[in-house]
Amino acid sequence: MRTYGRIFALNPDGSRRVPQPAGFPQWAQVSTDANGFDDYVWLTTLLQCLKLGLGESPFWANYGIPARQSVAQQIAPDYYVARTQQQFASRFANLVVARESSQVPTYKINVTTHQGVKIATSVPA
């Protein structure tokens, strides 16, 4: 199984990510690991779905959140994020998506993979 995720350029020396995205993002392929686990594939897909607009995908109409409309209306898209969490929860040992307190709708994702790896990241909606 494989999916593609957007990543931004590294510094010329490869040491760390640049603070602001430089140029266009690049696409990176994420595949099933050597032990046959798809956790990183599903995590990448979850992150991409949280970045999608509602109905933006030509294949999966129920994926995505109405982030732009939510910002314009000053209402966080919690219902759609909860629905996305429910869609992906069976793919992990544990998945929690919670809203962070900030001006921009940002969601904290805590994942425990089937191998026991704990991953925490934030995604702006």
N, C-alpha and C. Protein backbone atom coordinates (compact mmCIF):
# COMPACT_ATOMS: atom_id res chain seq x y z
N MET A 1 0.85 -1.16 0.00
CA MET A 1 0.00 0.00 0.00
C MET A 1 0.90 1.23 0.00
N ARG A 2 0.46 2.28 -0.65
CA ARG A 2 1.26 3.51 -0.65
C ARG A 2 0.34 4.72 -0.76
N THR A 3 0.88 5.84 -0.35
CA THR A 3 0.21 7.12 -0.49
C THR A 3 1.30 8.16 -0.70
N TYR A 4 0.89 9.38 -0.97
CA TYR A 4 1.84 10.47 -1.18
C TYR A 4 1.51 11.60 -0.23
N GLY A 5 2.55 12.22 0.33
CA GLY A 5 2.38 13.33 1.24
C GLY A 5 3.21 14.51 0.79
N ARG A 6 2.74 15.71 1.08
CA ARG A 6 3.46 16.93 0.72
C ARG A 6 4.51 17.24 1.78
N ILE A 7 5.72 17.50 1.33
CA ILE A 7 6.80 17.91 2.22
C ILE A 7 7.45 19.16 1.63
N PHE A 8 8.09 19.94 2.50
CA PHE A 8 8.75 21.16 2.03
C PHE A 8 10.26 20.96 2.01
N ALA A 9 10.92 21.82 1.28
CA ALA A 9 12.36 21.70 1.03
C ALA A 9 13.16 21.81 2.33
N LEU A 10 14.31 21.15 2.34
CA LEU A 10 15.26 21.25 3.44
C LEU A 10 16.25 22.37 3.15
N ASN A 11 16.99 22.75 4.16
CA ASN A 11 18.09 23.68 3.95
C ASN A 11 19.11 23.05 3.00
N PRO A 12 19.94 23.84 2.35
CA PRO A 12 20.93 23.27 1.43
C PRO A 12 21.84 22.23 2.08
N ASP A 13 22.14 22.39 3.38
CA ASP A 13 22.99 21.41 4.05
C ASP A 13 22.19 20.21 4.56
N GLY A 14 20.85 20.24 4.43
CA GLY A 14 20.02 19.11 4.83
C GLY A 14 19.80 19.01 6.33
N SER A 15 20.18 20.04 7.10
CA SER A 15 20.15 19.94 8.56
C SER A 15 18.75 20.06 9.15
N ARG A 16 17.92 20.96 8.66
CA ARG A 16 16.59 21.14 9.24
C ARG A 16 15.68 21.80 8.22
N ARG A 17 14.42 21.78 8.52
CA ARG A 17 13.45 22.40 7.61
C ARG A 17 13.58 23.92 7.69
N VAL A 18 13.29 24.56 6.58
CA VAL A 18 13.29 26.02 6.57
C VAL A 18 12.05 26.50 7.31
N PRO A 19 12.11 27.67 7.97
CA PRO A 19 10.96 28.13 8.74
C PRO A 19 9.74 28.40 7.87
N GLN A 20 9.94 28.95 6.70
CA GLN A 20 8.85 29.21 5.77
C GLN A 20 9.02 28.30 4.57
N PRO A 21 7.92 27.76 4.03
CA PRO A 21 8.04 26.91 2.86
C PRO A 21 8.73 27.64 1.72
N ALA A 22 9.76 27.03 1.18
CA ALA A 22 10.50 27.63 0.08
C ALA A 22 10.02 27.02 -1.23
N GLY A 23 9.44 27.83 -2.08
CA GLY A 23 8.97 27.32 -3.36
C GLY A 23 7.77 26.42 -3.21
N PHE A 24 7.65 25.49 -4.11
CA PHE A 24 6.53 24.56 -4.10
C PHE A 24 6.85 23.34 -3.25
N PRO A 25 5.84 22.78 -2.60
CA PRO A 25 6.10 21.55 -1.85
C PRO A 25 6.40 20.40 -2.80
N GLN A 26 7.12 19.43 -2.29
CA GLN A 26 7.41 18.24 -3.07
C GLN A 26 6.54 17.10 -2.53
N TRP A 27 6.30 16.11 -3.37
CA TRP A 27 5.51 14.96 -2.97
C TRP A 27 6.46 13.83 -2.63
N ALA A 28 6.22 13.19 -1.50
CA ALA A 28 7.03 12.05 -1.06
C ALA A 28 6.12 10.82 -0.96
N GLN A 29 6.63 9.69 -1.40
CA GLN A 29 5.87 8.44 -1.33
C GLN A 29 6.08 7.79 0.03
N VAL A 30 4.99 7.34 0.64
CA VAL A 30 5.03 6.61 1.90
C VAL A 30 4.42 5.24 1.63
N SER A 31 5.17 4.18 1.93
CA SER A 31 4.72 2.82 1.62
C SER A 31 4.67 1.96 2.88
N THR A 32 4.08 0.79 2.73
CA THR A 32 4.05 -0.20 3.81
C THR A 32 5.48 -0.53 4.22
N ASP A 33 5.72 -0.64 5.54
CA ASP A 33 7.09 -0.93 5.99
C ASP A 33 7.45 -2.39 5.77
N ALA A 34 8.68 -2.74 6.07
CA ALA A 34 9.19 -4.09 5.81
C ALA A 34 8.44 -5.17 6.59
N ASN A 35 7.84 -4.80 7.73
CA ASN A 35 7.10 -5.77 8.54
C ASN A 35 5.63 -5.90 8.14
N GLY A 36 5.22 -5.12 7.14
CA GLY A 36 3.85 -5.21 6.65
C GLY A 36 2.85 -4.29 7.33
N PHE A 37 3.33 -3.33 8.12
CA PHE A 37 2.44 -2.40 8.81
C PHE A 37 2.17 -1.18 7.93
N ASP A 38 0.91 -0.74 7.91
CA ASP A 38 0.49 0.40 7.11
C ASP A 38 0.26 1.66 7.94
N ASP A 39 0.72 1.70 9.18
CA ASP A 39 0.41 2.82 10.06
C ASP A 39 0.89 4.16 9.52
N TYR A 40 2.08 4.21 8.95
CA TYR A 40 2.60 5.48 8.43
C TYR A 40 1.88 5.90 7.16
N VAL A 41 1.41 4.93 6.39
CA VAL A 41 0.60 5.24 5.21
C VAL A 41 -0.70 5.89 5.65
N TRP A 42 -1.36 5.30 6.66
CA TRP A 42 -2.62 5.86 7.13
C TRP A 42 -2.44 7.18 7.85
N LEU A 43 -1.33 7.36 8.56
CA LEU A 43 -1.07 8.64 9.22
C LEU A 43 -0.89 9.74 8.17
N THR A 44 -0.15 9.45 7.13
CA THR A 44 0.03 10.43 6.04
C THR A 44 -1.30 10.75 5.39
N THR A 45 -2.13 9.74 5.18
CA THR A 45 -3.44 9.96 4.58
C THR A 45 -4.32 10.81 5.50
N LEU A 46 -4.27 10.56 6.80
CA LEU A 46 -5.03 11.36 7.77
C LEU A 46 -4.60 12.82 7.70
N LEU A 47 -3.29 13.07 7.69
CA LEU A 47 -2.80 14.44 7.63
C LEU A 47 -3.24 15.13 6.34
N GLN A 48 -3.21 14.41 5.23
CA GLN A 48 -3.64 14.98 3.96
C GLN A 48 -5.14 15.27 3.98
N CYS A 49 -5.92 14.42 4.62
CA CYS A 49 -7.37 14.64 4.69
C CYS A 49 -7.70 15.87 5.52
N LEU A 50 -6.93 16.11 6.57
CA LEU A 50 -7.17 17.31 7.38
C LEU A 50 -6.78 18.58 6.63
N LYS A 51 -5.96 18.46 5.62
CA LYS A 51 -5.58 19.61 4.80
C LYS A 51 -6.51 19.80 3.60
N LEU A 52 -7.33 18.79 3.30
CA LEU A 52 -8.26 18.86 2.17
C LEU A 52 -9.45 19.74 2.51
N GLY A 53 -9.97 20.41 1.50
CA GLY A 53 -11.25 21.09 1.65
C GLY A 53 -12.36 20.07 1.49
N LEU A 54 -13.51 20.34 2.07
CA LEU A 54 -14.63 19.41 1.99
C LEU A 54 -15.06 19.24 0.54
N GLY A 55 -15.12 18.00 0.07
CA GLY A 55 -15.50 17.71 -1.30
C GLY A 55 -14.42 17.98 -2.33
N GLU A 56 -13.20 18.26 -1.90
CA GLU A 56 -12.11 18.58 -2.82
C GLU A 56 -11.57 17.35 -3.53
N SER A 57 -11.61 16.21 -2.88
CA SER A 57 -11.08 14.99 -3.47
C SER A 57 -12.05 14.46 -4.53
N PRO A 58 -11.55 14.13 -5.72
CA PRO A 58 -12.44 13.58 -6.74
C PRO A 58 -12.82 12.12 -6.46
N PHE A 59 -12.12 11.47 -5.54
CA PHE A 59 -12.36 10.06 -5.26
C PHE A 59 -13.16 9.85 -3.97
N TRP A 60 -12.91 10.67 -2.96
CA TRP A 60 -13.52 10.48 -1.64
C TRP A 60 -14.25 11.76 -1.24
N ALA A 61 -15.52 11.85 -1.56
CA ALA A 61 -16.29 13.07 -1.31
C ALA A 61 -16.49 13.35 0.18
N ASN A 62 -16.41 12.32 1.03
CA ASN A 62 -16.64 12.52 2.45
C ASN A 62 -15.37 12.86 3.22
N TYR A 63 -14.25 13.02 2.55
CA TYR A 63 -12.99 13.39 3.22
C TYR A 63 -12.79 14.90 3.13
N GLY A 64 -12.14 15.46 4.14
CA GLY A 64 -11.82 16.88 4.15
C GLY A 64 -12.66 17.62 5.18
N ILE A 65 -12.27 18.86 5.42
CA ILE A 65 -13.00 19.71 6.36
C ILE A 65 -13.22 21.08 5.72
N PRO A 66 -14.29 21.79 6.08
CA PRO A 66 -14.54 23.12 5.52
C PRO A 66 -13.77 24.19 6.28
N ALA A 67 -12.46 24.19 6.15
CA ALA A 67 -11.61 25.09 6.95
C ALA A 67 -11.82 26.56 6.58
N ARG A 68 -11.85 26.87 5.30
CA ARG A 68 -12.00 28.28 4.89
C ARG A 68 -13.34 28.84 5.35
N GLN A 69 -14.40 28.08 5.17
CA GLN A 69 -15.71 28.53 5.62
C GLN A 69 -15.75 28.69 7.13
N SER A 70 -15.07 27.80 7.83
CA SER A 70 -15.04 27.86 9.29
C SER A 70 -14.32 29.10 9.79
N VAL A 71 -13.22 29.45 9.13
CA VAL A 71 -12.49 30.66 9.52
C VAL A 71 -13.33 31.89 9.23
N ALA A 72 -14.01 31.91 8.09
CA ALA A 72 -14.86 33.06 7.75
C ALA A 72 -16.01 33.22 8.73
N GLN A 73 -16.56 32.10 9.21
CA GLN A 73 -17.68 32.14 10.15
C GLN A 73 -17.24 32.17 11.61
N GLN A 74 -15.93 32.04 11.86
CA GLN A 74 -15.37 32.03 13.21
C GLN A 74 -15.90 30.84 14.04
N ILE A 75 -16.14 29.71 13.37
CA ILE A 75 -16.58 28.49 14.04
C ILE A 75 -15.61 27.38 13.66
N ALA A 76 -15.01 26.76 14.64
CA ALA A 76 -14.04 25.68 14.36
C ALA A 76 -14.75 24.48 13.74
N PRO A 77 -14.11 23.79 12.79
CA PRO A 77 -14.75 22.64 12.12
C PRO A 77 -14.65 21.35 12.93
N ASP A 78 -15.00 21.42 14.21
CA ASP A 78 -14.85 20.28 15.11
C ASP A 78 -15.67 19.06 14.68
N TYR A 79 -16.86 19.27 14.16
CA TYR A 79 -17.68 18.14 13.73
C TYR A 79 -16.98 17.35 12.63
N TYR A 80 -16.43 18.03 11.64
CA TYR A 80 -15.78 17.36 10.52
C TYR A 80 -14.47 16.71 10.94
N VAL A 81 -13.77 17.33 11.88
CA VAL A 81 -12.54 16.73 12.39
C VAL A 81 -12.87 15.48 13.19
N ALA A 82 -13.93 15.51 13.99
CA ALA A 82 -14.34 14.32 14.74
C ALA A 82 -14.76 13.20 13.80
N ARG A 83 -15.43 13.56 12.72
CA ARG A 83 -15.82 12.55 11.73
C ARG A 83 -14.59 11.94 11.06
N THR A 84 -13.60 12.77 10.76
CA THR A 84 -12.35 12.27 10.17
C THR A 84 -11.64 11.36 11.16
N GLN A 85 -11.61 11.73 12.43
CA GLN A 85 -10.99 10.88 13.45
C GLN A 85 -11.69 9.53 13.50
N GLN A 86 -13.00 9.54 13.44
CA GLN A 86 -13.76 8.28 13.48
C GLN A 86 -13.46 7.42 12.25
N GLN A 87 -13.28 8.04 11.09
CA GLN A 87 -12.98 7.29 9.87
C GLN A 87 -11.63 6.60 9.94
N PHE A 88 -10.66 7.20 10.65
CA PHE A 88 -9.31 6.66 10.68
C PHE A 88 -8.97 5.92 11.97
N ALA A 89 -9.82 5.95 12.97
CA ALA A 89 -9.51 5.37 14.28
C ALA A 89 -9.21 3.88 14.21
N SER A 90 -9.86 3.15 13.35
CA SER A 90 -9.63 1.71 13.28
C SER A 90 -8.29 1.35 12.66
N ARG A 91 -7.59 2.31 12.09
CA ARG A 91 -6.30 2.05 11.44
C ARG A 91 -5.12 2.11 12.39
N PHE A 92 -5.35 2.54 13.65
CA PHE A 92 -4.28 2.72 14.63
C PHE A 92 -4.66 2.02 15.94
N ALA A 93 -3.65 1.82 16.78
CA ALA A 93 -3.93 1.30 18.11
C ALA A 93 -4.67 2.35 18.93
N ASN A 94 -4.32 3.63 18.75
CA ASN A 94 -4.98 4.73 19.43
C ASN A 94 -4.85 5.98 18.58
N LEU A 95 -5.92 6.74 18.47
CA LEU A 95 -5.91 8.00 17.71
C LEU A 95 -6.75 9.02 18.44
N VAL A 96 -6.15 10.19 18.72
CA VAL A 96 -6.85 11.29 19.34
C VAL A 96 -6.54 12.55 18.54
N VAL A 97 -7.59 13.23 18.09
CA VAL A 97 -7.44 14.50 17.40
C VAL A 97 -8.18 15.53 18.23
N ALA A 98 -7.46 16.54 18.74
CA ALA A 98 -8.05 17.55 19.61
C ALA A 98 -7.66 18.94 19.15
N ARG A 99 -8.55 19.89 19.32
CA ARG A 99 -8.29 21.27 18.91
C ARG A 99 -7.36 21.94 19.91
N GLU A 100 -6.37 22.67 19.38
CA GLU A 100 -5.50 23.47 20.23
C GLU A 100 -6.09 24.87 20.36
N SER A 101 -5.77 25.54 21.44
CA SER A 101 -6.27 26.91 21.62
C SER A 101 -5.33 27.87 20.91
N SER A 102 -5.76 28.34 19.77
CA SER A 102 -5.01 29.33 19.00
C SER A 102 -5.97 30.06 18.09
N GLN A 103 -5.51 31.15 17.49
CA GLN A 103 -6.36 31.94 16.60
C GLN A 103 -6.71 31.17 15.33
N VAL A 104 -5.73 30.46 14.79
CA VAL A 104 -5.95 29.65 13.58
C VAL A 104 -6.39 28.26 14.02
N PRO A 105 -7.43 27.69 13.41
CA PRO A 105 -7.82 26.33 13.80
C PRO A 105 -6.67 25.35 13.59
N THR A 106 -6.14 24.85 14.69
CA THR A 106 -5.02 23.91 14.66
C THR A 106 -5.41 22.70 15.49
N TYR A 107 -5.06 21.52 14.99
CA TYR A 107 -5.44 20.29 15.67
C TYR A 107 -4.21 19.49 16.05
N LYS A 108 -4.20 19.03 17.29
CA LYS A 108 -3.13 18.20 17.83
C LYS A 108 -3.51 16.75 17.58
N ILE A 109 -2.61 16.00 16.94
CA ILE A 109 -2.87 14.60 16.64
C ILE A 109 -1.93 13.76 17.47
N ASN A 110 -2.49 12.84 18.25
CA ASN A 110 -1.72 11.87 19.02
C ASN A 110 -2.07 10.48 18.50
N VAL A 111 -1.07 9.78 18.03
CA VAL A 111 -1.26 8.46 17.43
C VAL A 111 -0.37 7.46 18.14
N THR A 112 -0.91 6.28 18.41
CA THR A 112 -0.11 5.14 18.83
C THR A 112 -0.26 4.09 17.73
N THR A 113 0.86 3.75 17.11
CA THR A 113 0.83 2.79 16.00
C THR A 113 0.70 1.38 16.55
N HIS A 114 0.50 0.43 15.66
CA HIS A 114 0.40 -0.97 16.07
C HIS A 114 1.73 -1.52 16.58
N GLN A 115 2.84 -0.84 16.29
CA GLN A 115 4.14 -1.24 16.80
C GLN A 115 4.41 -0.63 18.17
N GLY A 116 3.53 0.26 18.65
CA GLY A 116 3.71 0.91 19.94
C GLY A 116 4.39 2.26 19.86
N VAL A 117 4.65 2.76 18.67
CA VAL A 117 5.29 4.06 18.50
C VAL A 117 4.26 5.16 18.74
N LYS A 118 4.62 6.12 19.59
CA LYS A 118 3.72 7.24 19.87
C LYS A 118 4.19 8.45 19.06
N ILE A 119 3.26 9.05 18.33
CA ILE A 119 3.56 10.19 17.47
C ILE A 119 2.61 11.31 17.85
N ALA A 120 3.16 12.51 18.04
CA ALA A 120 2.34 13.70 18.33
C ALA A 120 2.75 14.79 17.35
N THR A 121 1.76 15.39 16.70
CA THR A 121 2.03 16.45 15.75
C THR A 121 0.84 17.41 15.73
N SER A 122 1.06 18.60 15.20
CA SER A 122 -0.02 19.59 15.05
C SER A 122 -0.24 19.86 13.58
N VAL A 123 -1.50 20.06 13.22
CA VAL A 123 -1.87 20.32 11.83
C VAL A 123 -2.79 21.54 11.80
N PRO A 124 -2.38 22.61 11.12
CA PRO A 124 -3.31 23.72 10.95
C PRO A 124 -4.38 23.35 9.93
N ALA A 125 -5.61 23.60 10.27
CA ALA A 125 -6.72 23.25 9.36
C ALA A 125 -6.82 24.21 8.22
